[in-house]
Amino acid sequence: MNKQLTSTFSGSPRSEAGADALFGEGAIAKFQRLSNRAMIYMLALTMVTVVGFPLFWMVISSFKLPNEMYLFPPNFLPAEWTLQNYSDLFTQTSFGLYFLNSLIVSVGATSLSLVIGGLGAYSISRFRFFGIAGFSRITMLYYMLPEVLIVIPLYIYVVELGMADTLFALIIGNTAFTLPLTLWYMKSYFNAIPASLEESAMIDGCTRLQAFRKITLPLALPGLIATGMFSFNHAWNEFLFALVFTSSESNKVLSLGLATWIGQDNIYSWGMLMASAVLVAIPVMLFYLLVQRKLVTGLADGGAKG
């Protein structure tokens, strides 16, 4: 009896046959698949917890009373849920004005970057003329430069054109920084779309612009959405251009306005900072959620039409 059990659970082929007899054929392979899947889920849950816990703590802290922010050990959940931090944020600061300015700058820079970058990328992809290859390389080289190296030359142009301390200067600055990457992103999308589709449309009576609008642009929609997300996120969080190009309180954006709060005794509050961080993150999250479905739909439609 002991010899039979030993041979059943040993590593020999005879033992595998015994295990299959005890647990059923294929049960061991099924158990291994379930174990691997459980390990993957546990690893994913751990990564999500590590990444998401700071965001969770930020949201929870925004609903705490000011005296709870300095407790040690801290309360995991608020002892008393309150909206005081959000109320103080709009009554004691110019957060609403900063939010509106950031929204104007982000939407303006994103729209301008997509229009100029999309048309420029289409021209680079479809037309061949002298200097086009060198121009495309120079634009990418410009993007590789850090903002701190280009902010002073841009500021000189801003001052000379009379746009200093205006939101339009921030729109131009953010567009100038994101435009090279927009050109390269969109150029790769346009290169992947066969030019024969446009030629067929023009044979059927469409002009070049109509073929671009009806054929090429819908197929390039995933690229437009991806570059739009990048441009909006950069303009929404940009700080250096806002610091150099603007000086008045009425033209401050969120990144600059929140930075000026630190160290000011009259409005400095961890609860207000957490509340402002939550409100700052909401537009980016909403923008991503709104365009995510269109991004996936555009990829599927592009694959079907191609």
Protein backbone atom coordinates (compact mmCIF):
# COMPACT_ATOMS: atom_id res chain seq x y z
CA MET A 1 0.00 0.00 0.00
CA ASN A 2 2.82 2.39 0.88
CA LYS A 3 4.66 1.51 -2.30
CA GLN A 4 1.53 2.22 -4.33
CA LEU A 5 1.11 5.69 -2.76
CA THR A 6 4.80 6.45 -3.23
CA SER A 7 4.71 5.53 -6.88
CA THR A 8 1.48 7.49 -7.36
CA PHE A 9 2.88 10.83 -6.12
CA SER A 10 6.44 10.45 -7.48
CA GLY A 11 7.71 12.29 -10.56
CA SER A 12 7.59 9.25 -12.89
CA PRO A 13 5.14 8.77 -15.76
CA ARG A 14 3.49 6.16 -13.62
CA SER A 15 2.87 8.81 -10.95
CA GLU A 16 1.23 11.15 -13.51
CA ALA A 17 -1.09 8.39 -14.53
CA GLY A 18 -1.92 7.80 -10.88
CA ALA A 19 -2.61 11.49 -10.33
CA ASP A 20 -4.90 11.58 -13.34
CA ALA A 21 -6.68 8.56 -11.95
CA LEU A 22 -7.17 10.25 -8.57
CA PHE A 23 -8.05 13.77 -9.68
CA GLY A 24 -9.53 13.14 -13.10
CA GLU A 25 -7.99 13.52 -16.54
CA GLY A 26 -6.86 17.08 -17.24
CA ALA A 27 -7.52 18.25 -13.66
CA ILE A 28 -3.86 19.04 -13.01
CA ALA A 29 -3.54 21.10 -16.21
CA LYS A 30 -6.73 22.97 -15.31
CA PHE A 31 -5.42 23.64 -11.82
CA GLN A 32 -2.17 25.03 -13.26
CA ARG A 33 -4.08 27.37 -15.59
CA LEU A 34 -6.22 28.61 -12.71
CA SER A 35 -3.12 29.15 -10.58
CA ASN A 36 -1.38 31.15 -13.31
CA ARG A 37 -4.50 33.26 -13.84
CA ALA A 38 -4.81 33.88 -10.10
CA MET A 39 -1.17 35.00 -9.92
CA ILE A 40 -1.69 37.41 -12.84
CA TYR A 41 -4.79 38.87 -11.18
CA MET A 42 -2.97 39.24 -7.86
CA LEU A 43 -0.07 41.01 -9.57
CA ALA A 44 -2.43 43.33 -11.44
CA LEU A 45 -4.38 44.07 -8.25
CA THR A 46 -1.14 44.89 -6.43
CA MET A 47 -0.01 47.28 -9.17
CA VAL A 48 -3.41 48.99 -9.30
CA THR A 49 -3.37 49.38 -5.51
CA VAL A 50 0.12 50.89 -5.47
CA VAL A 51 -0.70 53.31 -8.29
CA GLY A 52 -4.26 54.12 -7.26
CA PHE A 53 -3.85 54.50 -3.50
CA PRO A 54 -2.33 58.04 -3.70
CA LEU A 55 -5.30 59.10 -5.84
CA PHE A 56 -7.70 57.49 -3.41
CA TRP A 57 -6.00 59.24 -0.47
CA MET A 58 -6.18 62.56 -2.31
CA VAL A 59 -9.94 62.20 -2.83
CA ILE A 60 -10.56 61.07 0.75
CA SER A 61 -8.44 63.89 2.19
CA SER A 62 -10.44 66.49 0.28
CA PHE A 63 -13.50 65.59 2.40
CA LYS A 64 -11.73 65.81 5.76
CA LEU A 65 -11.93 68.65 8.24
CA PRO A 66 -8.77 70.79 8.55
CA ASN A 67 -7.88 69.43 12.00
CA GLU A 68 -7.99 65.84 10.69
CA MET A 69 -5.27 66.54 8.13
CA TYR A 70 -2.59 66.69 10.85
CA LEU A 71 -3.62 63.70 12.99
CA PHE A 72 -1.04 61.02 13.70
CA PRO A 73 -1.73 58.25 13.09
CA PRO A 74 -4.02 59.56 10.35
CA ASN A 75 -7.63 58.51 9.94
CA PHE A 76 -8.13 56.26 6.96
CA LEU A 77 -11.64 57.64 6.41
CA PRO A 78 -12.93 61.05 7.50
CA ALA A 79 -14.54 61.10 10.93
CA GLU A 80 -16.98 63.64 9.51
CA TRP A 81 -17.49 64.03 5.77
CA THR A 82 -17.56 67.66 4.72
CA LEU A 83 -17.52 69.87 1.62
CA GLN A 84 -15.88 72.74 3.48
CA ASN A 85 -12.63 72.43 1.51
CA TYR A 86 -14.46 72.74 -1.80
CA SER A 87 -16.54 75.65 -0.52
CA ASP A 88 -13.46 77.48 0.79
CA LEU A 89 -11.69 76.81 -2.47
CA PHE A 90 -14.17 78.88 -4.47
CA THR A 91 -14.88 81.53 -1.81
CA GLN A 92 -11.36 82.25 -0.56
CA THR A 93 -9.38 81.86 -3.78
CA SER A 94 -9.66 82.59 -7.52
CA PHE A 95 -9.86 78.90 -8.38
CA GLY A 96 -12.86 79.37 -10.67
CA LEU A 97 -11.00 81.96 -12.73
CA TYR A 98 -7.88 79.79 -12.91
CA PHE A 99 -9.99 76.83 -14.02
CA LEU A 100 -11.66 78.82 -16.78
CA ASN A 101 -8.32 80.20 -18.02
CA SER A 102 -6.80 76.71 -18.13
CA LEU A 103 -9.79 75.40 -20.04
CA ILE A 104 -9.54 78.21 -22.61
CA VAL A 105 -5.80 77.69 -23.07
CA SER A 106 -6.04 73.88 -23.29
CA VAL A 107 -8.94 73.80 -25.76
CA GLY A 108 -7.40 76.59 -27.86
CA ALA A 109 -3.93 75.02 -27.98
CA THR A 110 -5.34 71.56 -28.74
CA SER A 111 -7.57 72.83 -31.54
CA LEU A 112 -4.83 74.93 -33.09
CA SER A 113 -2.30 72.11 -32.86
CA LEU A 114 -4.65 69.61 -34.50
CA VAL A 115 -5.64 71.94 -37.33
CA ILE A 116 -2.11 73.12 -38.19
CA GLY A 117 -0.46 69.80 -37.39
CA GLY A 118 -3.04 67.75 -39.28
CA LEU A 119 -2.83 69.84 -42.45
CA GLY A 120 0.96 70.04 -42.22
CA ALA A 121 1.31 66.28 -41.68
CA TYR A 122 -0.98 65.60 -44.63
CA SER A 123 1.14 67.86 -46.84
CA ILE A 124 4.37 66.15 -45.73
CA SER A 125 2.85 62.72 -46.32
CA ARG A 126 1.24 63.32 -49.70
CA PHE A 127 3.36 65.95 -51.47
CA ARG A 128 7.01 65.94 -52.45
CA PHE A 129 8.85 69.22 -52.89
CA PHE A 130 12.29 70.64 -52.17
CA GLY A 131 13.27 70.74 -48.49
CA ILE A 132 10.33 68.78 -47.13
CA ALA A 133 12.49 66.00 -45.66
CA GLY A 134 14.79 68.48 -43.93
CA PHE A 135 11.83 70.44 -42.61
CA SER A 136 10.26 67.36 -41.04
CA ARG A 137 13.54 66.48 -39.29
CA ILE A 138 14.00 70.02 -38.00
CA THR A 139 10.52 70.03 -36.47
CA MET A 140 11.28 66.86 -34.53
CA LEU A 141 14.60 68.32 -33.38
CA TYR A 142 12.69 71.32 -32.06
CA TYR A 143 10.48 69.04 -29.96
CA MET A 144 13.54 67.32 -28.46
CA LEU A 145 14.63 70.64 -26.92
CA PRO A 146 13.41 71.20 -23.35
CA GLU A 147 10.96 74.00 -22.66
CA VAL A 148 13.51 75.98 -20.68
CA LEU A 149 15.62 76.48 -23.84
CA ILE A 150 12.78 77.75 -26.03
CA VAL A 151 10.81 79.81 -23.52
CA ILE A 152 13.07 82.89 -23.78
CA PRO A 153 13.03 83.08 -27.63
CA LEU A 154 9.27 82.60 -27.56
CA TYR A 155 8.92 85.29 -24.90
CA ILE A 156 10.83 87.76 -27.10
CA TYR A 157 8.37 87.14 -29.93
CA VAL A 158 5.45 87.42 -27.53
CA VAL A 159 6.64 90.80 -26.27
CA GLU A 160 7.43 92.12 -29.76
CA LEU A 161 3.95 91.14 -30.97
CA GLY A 162 2.27 92.76 -27.96
CA MET A 163 0.85 89.50 -26.59
CA ALA A 164 2.58 89.54 -23.20
CA ASP A 165 0.39 88.66 -20.21
CA THR A 166 -2.42 87.25 -22.35
CA LEU A 167 -4.02 83.84 -22.64
CA PHE A 168 -3.38 83.90 -26.37
CA ALA A 169 0.36 83.91 -25.64
CA LEU A 170 -0.08 80.68 -23.66
CA ILE A 171 -2.09 79.15 -26.51
CA ILE A 172 0.67 80.01 -28.98
CA GLY A 173 3.41 78.75 -26.66
CA ASN A 174 1.74 75.41 -25.99
CA THR A 175 0.92 74.99 -29.67
CA ALA A 176 4.53 75.68 -30.63
CA PHE A 177 5.74 73.01 -28.22
CA THR A 178 3.25 70.27 -29.14
CA LEU A 179 3.09 70.96 -32.89
CA PRO A 180 6.26 69.01 -33.88
CA LEU A 181 5.05 65.83 -32.19
CA THR A 182 1.61 66.33 -33.70
CA LEU A 183 3.20 66.54 -37.15
CA TRP A 184 5.11 63.30 -36.66
CA TYR A 185 2.19 61.41 -35.13
CA MET A 186 -0.22 62.45 -37.86
CA LYS A 187 2.35 61.90 -40.60
CA SER A 188 2.65 58.24 -39.57
CA TYR A 189 -1.15 57.85 -39.68
CA PHE A 190 -1.44 59.49 -43.09
CA ASN A 191 1.40 57.35 -44.43
CA ALA A 192 -0.52 54.22 -43.37
CA ILE A 193 -3.60 55.30 -45.38
CA PRO A 194 -3.27 54.31 -49.06
CA ALA A 195 -3.20 57.28 -51.39
CA SER A 196 -5.17 55.19 -53.90
CA LEU A 197 -8.31 55.76 -51.81
CA GLU A 198 -8.06 59.50 -52.39
CA GLU A 199 -7.24 59.02 -56.04
CA SER A 200 -10.34 56.87 -56.47
CA ALA A 201 -12.45 59.55 -54.80
CA MET A 202 -11.00 62.25 -57.06
CA ILE A 203 -11.72 60.11 -60.10
CA ASP A 204 -15.34 59.95 -58.94
CA GLY A 205 -15.47 63.75 -58.91
CA CYS A 206 -14.18 64.81 -55.49
CA THR A 207 -11.65 67.59 -55.13
CA ARG A 208 -8.46 67.08 -53.15
CA LEU A 209 -10.00 68.80 -50.12
CA GLN A 210 -13.20 66.76 -50.36
CA ALA A 211 -11.23 63.53 -50.61
CA PHE A 212 -9.22 64.56 -47.56
CA ARG A 213 -12.35 65.43 -45.56
CA LYS A 214 -14.48 62.44 -46.57
CA ILE A 215 -11.91 59.67 -46.96
CA THR A 216 -8.59 60.37 -45.25
CA LEU A 217 -9.72 62.32 -42.21
CA PRO A 218 -12.19 59.67 -40.93
CA LEU A 219 -9.52 56.99 -41.28
CA ALA A 220 -7.04 59.15 -39.41
CA LEU A 221 -9.48 59.79 -36.55
CA PRO A 222 -7.58 57.57 -34.05
CA GLY A 223 -4.44 59.60 -34.69
CA LEU A 224 -6.30 62.88 -34.22
CA ILE A 225 -7.75 61.67 -30.92
CA ALA A 226 -4.40 60.39 -29.64
CA THR A 227 -2.56 63.61 -30.48
CA GLY A 228 -5.46 65.66 -29.12
CA MET A 229 -5.20 63.84 -25.79
CA PHE A 230 -1.48 64.55 -25.65
CA SER A 231 -1.88 68.22 -26.54
CA PHE A 232 -4.72 68.79 -24.07
CA ASN A 233 -2.89 67.07 -21.22
CA HIS A 234 0.29 69.08 -21.86
CA ALA A 235 -1.51 72.43 -22.04
CA TRP A 236 -3.60 71.62 -18.97
CA ASN A 237 -0.56 70.86 -16.78
CA GLU A 238 2.00 73.25 -18.32
CA PHE A 239 3.73 75.57 -15.83
CA LEU A 240 6.83 77.20 -17.34
CA PHE A 241 5.10 79.14 -20.13
CA ALA A 242 2.44 80.29 -17.68
CA LEU A 243 5.10 81.51 -15.27
CA VAL A 244 7.03 83.50 -17.91
CA PHE A 245 4.29 84.73 -20.24
CA THR A 246 1.70 85.89 -17.67
CA SER A 247 1.93 88.06 -14.57
CA SER A 248 -1.53 89.40 -13.71
CA GLU A 249 -3.95 87.56 -11.46
CA SER A 250 -6.67 87.58 -14.11
CA ASN A 251 -4.56 85.57 -16.57
CA LYS A 252 -3.21 82.89 -14.23
CA VAL A 253 -3.93 79.26 -15.02
CA LEU A 254 -4.36 76.39 -12.60
CA SER A 255 -0.75 75.22 -12.55
CA LEU A 256 0.56 78.68 -11.71
CA GLY A 257 -2.31 79.60 -9.40
CA LEU A 258 -1.96 76.46 -7.29
CA ALA A 259 1.80 76.92 -7.02
CA THR A 260 1.38 80.44 -5.61
CA TRP A 261 -0.79 79.12 -2.77
CA ILE A 262 2.05 77.21 -1.12
CA GLY A 263 3.54 79.37 1.60
CA GLN A 264 0.68 81.86 1.77
CA ASP A 265 -0.65 81.68 5.32
CA ASN A 266 -4.02 83.20 4.53
CA ILE A 267 -5.17 80.43 2.18
CA TYR A 268 -2.67 77.62 2.62
CA SER A 269 -4.54 74.44 3.52
CA TRP A 270 -3.90 70.78 2.76
CA GLY A 271 -7.62 70.18 2.49
CA MET A 272 -8.02 72.91 -0.09
CA LEU A 273 -5.00 71.68 -2.01
CA MET A 274 -6.43 68.14 -2.09
CA ALA A 275 -9.80 69.49 -3.23
CA SER A 276 -8.16 71.55 -5.96
CA ALA A 277 -6.12 68.52 -7.08
CA VAL A 278 -9.32 66.49 -7.41
CA LEU A 279 -11.00 69.19 -9.48
CA VAL A 280 -7.91 69.60 -11.66
CA ALA A 281 -7.83 65.88 -12.43
CA ILE A 282 -11.52 65.66 -13.39
CA PRO A 283 -11.37 67.39 -16.83
CA VAL A 284 -8.48 65.20 -18.01
CA MET A 285 -10.27 62.05 -16.86
CA LEU A 286 -13.53 63.14 -18.48
CA PHE A 287 -11.75 64.01 -21.72
CA TYR A 288 -10.11 60.59 -21.79
CA LEU A 289 -13.37 58.77 -21.02
CA LEU A 290 -15.21 60.70 -23.74
CA VAL A 291 -12.68 60.03 -26.48
CA GLN A 292 -11.74 56.49 -25.45
CA ARG A 293 -14.76 54.92 -27.13
CA LYS A 294 -14.27 57.03 -30.25
CA LEU A 295 -10.61 56.03 -30.29
CA VAL A 296 -11.45 52.32 -30.26
CA THR A 297 -14.30 52.84 -32.77
CA GLY A 298 -11.98 54.78 -35.07
CA LEU A 299 -9.38 52.03 -34.96
CA ALA A 300 -12.01 49.40 -35.82
CA ASP A 301 -13.53 51.49 -38.62
CA GLY A 302 -10.10 52.29 -40.02
CA GLY A 303 -9.23 48.60 -40.12
CA ALA A 304 -12.50 47.76 -41.82
CA LYS A 305 -12.26 50.50 -44.41
CA GLY A 306 -8.60 49.85 -45.09
